[in-house]
Amino acid sequence: MIEVHYGVVQFEDRWAIIAKGLRLGDYETKADAEDVVRRMADQAAGLPVQIHLQDADGSFHRD
């Protein structure tokens, strides 16, 4: 089964959402990007979604 993965990552002083081969949005805060990625996950047409969030030290964890 297909699984969708989204990441919330920091680029310099801004935040973006990434997916396979894509970089989406330009957000001022991590919280703004997280709000959007959660809405995207809710609309994934029944596909399982994994959200990966970047921590302050640069590592990622699943939400």
PDB file of N, CA and C in Angstrom:
ATOM      1  N   MET A   1       0.835  -1.186   0.000  1.00  0.00           N
ATOM      2  CA  MET A   1       0.000   0.000   0.000  1.00  0.00           C
ATOM      3  C   MET A   1       0.879   1.249   0.000  1.00  0.00           C
ATOM      4  N   ILE A   2       0.426   2.241  -0.690  1.00  0.00           N
ATOM      5  CA  ILE A   2       1.129   3.521  -0.749  1.00  0.00           C
ATOM      6  C   ILE A   2       1.009   4.226   0.598  1.00  0.00           C
ATOM      7  N   GLU A   3       2.105   4.817   1.038  1.00  0.00           N
ATOM      8  CA  GLU A   3       2.120   5.610   2.266  1.00  0.00           C
ATOM      9  C   GLU A   3       2.693   6.978   1.912  1.00  0.00           C
ATOM     10  N   VAL A   4       2.068   8.027   2.389  1.00  0.00           N
ATOM     11  CA  VAL A   4       2.497   9.399   2.111  1.00  0.00           C
ATOM     12  C   VAL A   4       3.354   9.879   3.280  1.00  0.00           C
ATOM     13  N   HIS A   5       4.482  10.508   2.949  1.00  0.00           N
ATOM     14  CA  HIS A   5       5.367  11.081   3.964  1.00  0.00           C
ATOM     15  C   HIS A   5       5.507  12.571   3.711  1.00  0.00           C
ATOM     16  N   TYR A   6       5.269  13.352   4.748  1.00  0.00           N
ATOM     17  CA  TYR A   6       5.472  14.802   4.698  1.00  0.00           C
ATOM     18  C   TYR A   6       6.480  15.172   5.782  1.00  0.00           C
ATOM     19  N   GLY A   7       7.316  16.136   5.496  1.00  0.00           N
ATOM     20  CA  GLY A   7       8.245  16.642   6.486  1.00  0.00           C
ATOM     21  C   GLY A   7       8.073  18.138   6.658  1.00  0.00           C
ATOM     22  N   VAL A   8       8.259  18.604   7.881  1.00  0.00           N
ATOM     23  CA  VAL A   8       8.292  20.041   8.179  1.00  0.00           C
ATOM     24  C   VAL A   8       9.741  20.362   8.510  1.00  0.00           C
ATOM     25  N   VAL A   9      10.377  21.171   7.652  1.00  0.00           N
ATOM     26  CA  VAL A   9      11.804  21.424   7.782  1.00  0.00           C
ATOM     27  C   VAL A   9      12.101  22.920   7.743  1.00  0.00           C
ATOM     28  N   GLN A  10      13.213  23.260   8.364  1.00  0.00           N
ATOM     29  CA  GLN A  10      13.643  24.659   8.397  1.00  0.00           C
ATOM     30  C   GLN A  10      14.665  24.899   7.292  1.00  0.00           C
ATOM     31  N   PHE A  11      14.469  25.986   6.540  1.00  0.00           N
ATOM     32  CA  PHE A  11      15.412  26.464   5.539  1.00  0.00           C
ATOM     33  C   PHE A  11      15.782  27.878   5.942  1.00  0.00           C
ATOM     34  N   GLU A  12      16.995  28.026   6.454  1.00  0.00           N
ATOM     35  CA  GLU A  12      17.460  29.294   7.005  1.00  0.00           C
ATOM     36  C   GLU A  12      16.506  29.734   8.114  1.00  0.00           C
ATOM     37  N   ASP A  13      15.795  30.856   7.962  1.00  0.00           N
ATOM     38  CA  ASP A  13      14.914  31.309   9.036  1.00  0.00           C
ATOM     39  C   ASP A  13      13.436  31.080   8.718  1.00  0.00           C
ATOM     40  N   ARG A  14      13.137  30.264   7.713  1.00  0.00           N
ATOM     41  CA  ARG A  14      11.762  29.979   7.290  1.00  0.00           C
ATOM     42  C   ARG A  14      11.505  28.480   7.375  1.00  0.00           C
ATOM     43  N   TRP A  15      10.242  28.095   7.265  1.00  0.00           N
ATOM     44  CA  TRP A  15       9.843  26.688   7.349  1.00  0.00           C
ATOM     45  C   TRP A  15       9.112  26.287   6.075  1.00  0.00           C
ATOM     46  N   ALA A  16       9.238  25.016   5.699  1.00  0.00           N
ATOM     47  CA  ALA A  16       8.582  24.503   4.499  1.00  0.00           C
ATOM     48  C   ALA A  16       8.103  23.082   4.765  1.00  0.00           C
ATOM     49  N   ILE A  17       7.235  22.622   3.892  1.00  0.00           N
ATOM     50  CA  ILE A  17       6.769  21.244   3.909  1.00  0.00           C
ATOM     51  C   ILE A  17       7.435  20.543   2.735  1.00  0.00           C
ATOM     52  N   ILE A  18       7.998  19.366   2.987  1.00  0.00           N
ATOM     53  CA  ILE A  18       8.594  18.603   1.906  1.00  0.00           C
ATOM     54  C   ILE A  18       7.876  17.261   1.776  1.00  0.00           C
ATOM     55  N   ALA A  19       7.885  16.765   0.572  1.00  0.00           N
ATOM     56  CA  ALA A  19       7.386  15.431   0.254  1.00  0.00           C
ATOM     57  C   ALA A  19       8.297  14.918  -0.855  1.00  0.00           C
ATOM     58  N   LYS A  20       8.131  13.712  -1.269  1.00  0.00           N
ATOM     59  CA  LYS A  20       9.022  13.131  -2.272  1.00  0.00           C
ATOM     60  C   LYS A  20       9.100  14.030  -3.510  1.00  0.00           C
ATOM     61  N   GLY A  21      10.264  14.645  -3.685  1.00  0.00           N
ATOM     62  CA  GLY A  21      10.490  15.490  -4.844  1.00  0.00           C
ATOM     63  C   GLY A  21       9.834  16.857  -4.808  1.00  0.00           C
ATOM     64  N   LEU A  22       9.228  17.224  -3.685  1.00  0.00           N
ATOM     65  CA  LEU A  22       8.499  18.490  -3.606  1.00  0.00           C
ATOM     66  C   LEU A  22       8.935  19.322  -2.407  1.00  0.00           C
ATOM     67  N   ARG A  23       8.881  20.624  -2.574  1.00  0.00           N
ATOM     68  CA  ARG A  23       9.025  21.571  -1.471  1.00  0.00           C
ATOM     69  C   ARG A  23       7.836  22.510  -1.565  1.00  0.00           C
ATOM     70  N   LEU A  24       7.015  22.528  -0.516  1.00  0.00           N
ATOM     71  CA  LEU A  24       5.757  23.258  -0.550  1.00  0.00           C
ATOM     72  C   LEU A  24       5.740  24.369   0.492  1.00  0.00           C
ATOM     73  N   GLY A  25       5.369  25.553   0.072  1.00  0.00           N
ATOM     74  CA  GLY A  25       5.143  26.646   1.010  1.00  0.00           C
ATOM     75  C   GLY A  25       6.397  27.316   1.514  1.00  0.00           C
ATOM     76  N   ASP A  26       6.168  28.406   2.183  1.00  0.00           N
ATOM     77  CA  ASP A  26       7.198  29.231   2.803  1.00  0.00           C
ATOM     78  C   ASP A  26       6.533  29.855   4.022  1.00  0.00           C
ATOM     79  N   TYR A  27       6.819  29.306   5.196  1.00  0.00           N
ATOM     80  CA  TYR A  27       6.098  29.692   6.409  1.00  0.00           C
ATOM     81  C   TYR A  27       7.036  30.386   7.382  1.00  0.00           C
ATOM     82  N   GLU A  28       6.501  31.380   8.066  1.00  0.00           N
ATOM     83  CA  GLU A  28       7.292  32.149   9.029  1.00  0.00           C
ATOM     84  C   GLU A  28       7.631  31.322  10.268  1.00  0.00           C
ATOM     85  N   THR A  29       6.715  30.462  10.695  1.00  0.00           N
ATOM     86  CA  THR A  29       6.946  29.673  11.905  1.00  0.00           C
ATOM     87  C   THR A  29       6.731  28.186  11.645  1.00  0.00           C
ATOM     88  N   LYS A  30       7.332  27.384  12.480  1.00  0.00           N
ATOM     89  CA  LYS A  30       7.134  25.935  12.421  1.00  0.00           C
ATOM     90  C   LYS A  30       5.664  25.600  12.664  1.00  0.00           C
ATOM     91  N   ALA A  31       5.043  26.291  13.592  1.00  0.00           N
ATOM     92  CA  ALA A  31       3.625  26.037  13.903  1.00  0.00           C
ATOM     93  C   ALA A  31       2.742  26.273  12.682  1.00  0.00           C
ATOM     94  N   ASP A  32       3.032  27.317  11.900  1.00  0.00           N
ATOM     95  CA  ASP A  32       2.259  27.581  10.681  1.00  0.00           C
ATOM     96  C   ASP A  32       2.379  26.410   9.709  1.00  0.00           C
ATOM     97  N   ALA A  33       3.594  25.925   9.506  1.00  0.00           N
ATOM     98  CA  ALA A  33       3.816  24.802   8.596  1.00  0.00           C
ATOM     99  C   ALA A  33       3.145  23.531   9.122  1.00  0.00           C
ATOM    100  N   GLU A  34       3.207  23.309  10.431  1.00  0.00           N
ATOM    101  CA  GLU A  34       2.559  22.132  11.024  1.00  0.00           C
ATOM    102  C   GLU A  34       1.046  22.177  10.832  1.00  0.00           C
ATOM    103  N   ASP A  35       0.446  23.329  10.995  1.00  0.00           N
ATOM    104  CA  ASP A  35      -1.001  23.453  10.783  1.00  0.00           C
ATOM    105  C   ASP A  35      -1.379  23.042   9.361  1.00  0.00           C
ATOM    106  N   VAL A  36      -0.619  23.518   8.393  1.00  0.00           N
ATOM    107  CA  VAL A  36      -0.920  23.206   6.998  1.00  0.00           C
ATOM    108  C   VAL A  36      -0.688  21.724   6.713  1.00  0.00           C
ATOM    109  N   VAL A  37       0.419  21.166   7.203  1.00  0.00           N
ATOM    110  CA  VAL A  37       0.709  19.755   6.912  1.00  0.00           C
ATOM    111  C   VAL A  37      -0.341  18.834   7.549  1.00  0.00           C
ATOM    112  N   ARG A  38      -0.870  19.192   8.686  1.00  0.00           N
ATOM    113  CA  ARG A  38      -1.922  18.376   9.308  1.00  0.00           C
ATOM    114  C   ARG A  38      -3.219  18.436   8.483  1.00  0.00           C
ATOM    115  N   ARG A  39      -3.514  19.599   7.934  1.00  0.00           N
ATOM    116  CA  ARG A  39      -4.687  19.691   7.042  1.00  0.00           C
ATOM    117  C   ARG A  39      -4.478  18.870   5.777  1.00  0.00           C
ATOM    118  N   MET A  40      -3.256  18.889   5.248  1.00  0.00           N
ATOM    119  CA  MET A  40      -2.955  18.070   4.076  1.00  0.00           C
ATOM    120  C   MET A  40      -3.118  16.584   4.402  1.00  0.00           C
ATOM    121  N   ALA A  41      -2.659  16.178   5.564  1.00  0.00           N
ATOM    122  CA  ALA A  41      -2.786  14.773   5.965  1.00  0.00           C
ATOM    123  C   ALA A  41      -4.249  14.376   6.111  1.00  0.00           C
ATOM    124  N   ASP A  42      -5.067  15.266   6.628  1.00  0.00           N
ATOM    125  CA  ASP A  42      -6.501  14.983   6.777  1.00  0.00           C
ATOM    126  C   ASP A  42      -7.185  14.784   5.429  1.00  0.00           C
ATOM    127  N   GLN A  43      -6.616  15.342   4.367  1.00  0.00           N
ATOM    128  CA  GLN A  43      -7.228  15.273   3.043  1.00  0.00           C
ATOM    129  C   GLN A  43      -6.522  14.271   2.122  1.00  0.00           C
ATOM    130  N   ALA A  44      -5.823  13.316   2.674  1.00  0.00           N
ATOM    131  CA  ALA A  44      -5.015  12.381   1.882  1.00  0.00           C
ATOM    132  C   ALA A  44      -5.824  11.235   1.282  1.00  0.00           C
ATOM    133  N   ALA A  45      -7.113  11.392   1.152  1.00  0.00           N
ATOM    134  CA  ALA A  45      -7.981  10.415   0.470  1.00  0.00           C
ATOM    135  C   ALA A  45      -7.831   9.002   1.021  1.00  0.00           C
ATOM    136  N   GLY A  46      -7.740   8.885   2.329  1.00  0.00           N
ATOM    137  CA  GLY A  46      -7.696   7.569   2.958  1.00  0.00           C
ATOM    138  C   GLY A  46      -6.337   6.902   2.969  1.00  0.00           C
ATOM    139  N   LEU A  47      -5.317   7.531   2.411  1.00  0.00           N
ATOM    140  CA  LEU A  47      -3.977   6.953   2.427  1.00  0.00           C
ATOM    141  C   LEU A  47      -3.327   7.176   3.791  1.00  0.00           C
ATOM    142  N   PRO A  48      -2.529   6.211   4.237  1.00  0.00           N
ATOM    143  CA  PRO A  48      -1.797   6.444   5.490  1.00  0.00           C
ATOM    144  C   PRO A  48      -0.746   7.534   5.299  1.00  0.00           C
ATOM    145  N   VAL A  49      -0.632   8.411   6.281  1.00  0.00           N
ATOM    146  CA  VAL A  49       0.291   9.547   6.212  1.00  0.00           C
ATOM    147  C   VAL A  49       1.206   9.524   7.428  1.00  0.00           C
ATOM    148  N   GLN A  50       2.493   9.719   7.175  1.00  0.00           N
ATOM    149  CA  GLN A  50       3.480   9.897   8.239  1.00  0.00           C
ATOM    150  C   GLN A  50       3.962  11.346   8.165  1.00  0.00           C
ATOM    151  N   ILE A  51       3.952  12.026   9.311  1.00  0.00           N
ATOM    152  CA  ILE A  51       4.457  13.406   9.385  1.00  0.00           C
ATOM    153  C   ILE A  51       5.766  13.381  10.162  1.00  0.00           C
ATOM    154  N   HIS A  52       6.796  13.971   9.575  1.00  0.00           N
ATOM    155  CA  HIS A  52       8.120  14.035  10.188  1.00  0.00           C
ATOM    156  C   HIS A  52       8.415  15.496  10.508  1.00  0.00           C
ATOM    157  N   LEU A  53       8.728  15.773  11.759  1.00  0.00           N
ATOM    158  CA  LEU A  53       8.977  17.148  12.206  1.00  0.00           C
ATOM    159  C   LEU A  53      10.442  17.316  12.573  1.00  0.00           C
ATOM    160  N   GLN A  54      11.038  18.411  12.134  1.00  0.00           N
ATOM    161  CA  GLN A  54      12.427  18.706  12.467  1.00  0.00           C
ATOM    162  C   GLN A  54      12.503  19.308  13.861  1.00  0.00           C
ATOM    163  N   ASP A  55      13.403  18.771  14.673  1.00  0.00           N
ATOM    164  CA  ASP A  55      13.625  19.289  16.020  1.00  0.00           C
ATOM    165  C   ASP A  55      14.633  20.434  15.993  1.00  0.00           C
ATOM    166  N   ALA A  56      14.784  21.098  17.118  1.00  0.00           N
ATOM    167  CA  ALA A  56      15.708  22.236  17.218  1.00  0.00           C
ATOM    168  C   ALA A  56      17.144  21.840  16.892  1.00  0.00           C
ATOM    169  N   ASP A  57      17.523  20.579  17.159  1.00  0.00           N
ATOM    170  CA  ASP A  57      18.890  20.127  16.879  1.00  0.00           C
ATOM    171  C   ASP A  57      19.064  19.634  15.438  1.00  0.00           C
ATOM    172  N   GLY A  58      18.003  19.720  14.620  1.00  0.00           N
ATOM    173  CA  GLY A  58      18.088  19.322  13.223  1.00  0.00           C
ATOM    174  C   GLY A  58      17.652  17.897  12.939  1.00  0.00           C
ATOM    175  N   SER A  59      17.450  17.092  13.978  1.00  0.00           N
ATOM    176  CA  SER A  59      16.996  15.727  13.764  1.00  0.00           C
ATOM    177  C   SER A  59      15.486  15.700  13.550  1.00  0.00           C
ATOM    178  N   PHE A  60      14.982  14.557  13.093  1.00  0.00           N
ATOM    179  CA  PHE A  60      13.555  14.426  12.806  1.00  0.00           C
ATOM    180  C   PHE A  60      12.921  13.397  13.726  1.00  0.00           C
ATOM    181  N   HIS A  61      11.652  13.602  14.004  1.00  0.00           N
ATOM    182  CA  HIS A  61      10.856  12.590  14.700  1.00  0.00           C
ATOM    183  C   HIS A  61       9.501  12.519  14.031  1.00  0.00           C
ATOM    184  N   ARG A  62       8.880  11.362  14.140  1.00  0.00           N
ATOM    185  CA  ARG A  62       7.518  11.195  13.597  1.00  0.00           C
ATOM    186  C   ARG A  62       6.522  11.732  14.590  1.00  0.00           C
ATOM    187  N   ASP A  63       5.524  12.340  14.057  1.00  0.00           N
ATOM    188  CA  ASP A  63       4.461  12.883  14.894  1.00  0.00           C
ATOM    189  C   ASP A  63       3.273  11.950  14.873  1.00  0.00           C
TER     190      ASP A  63
END
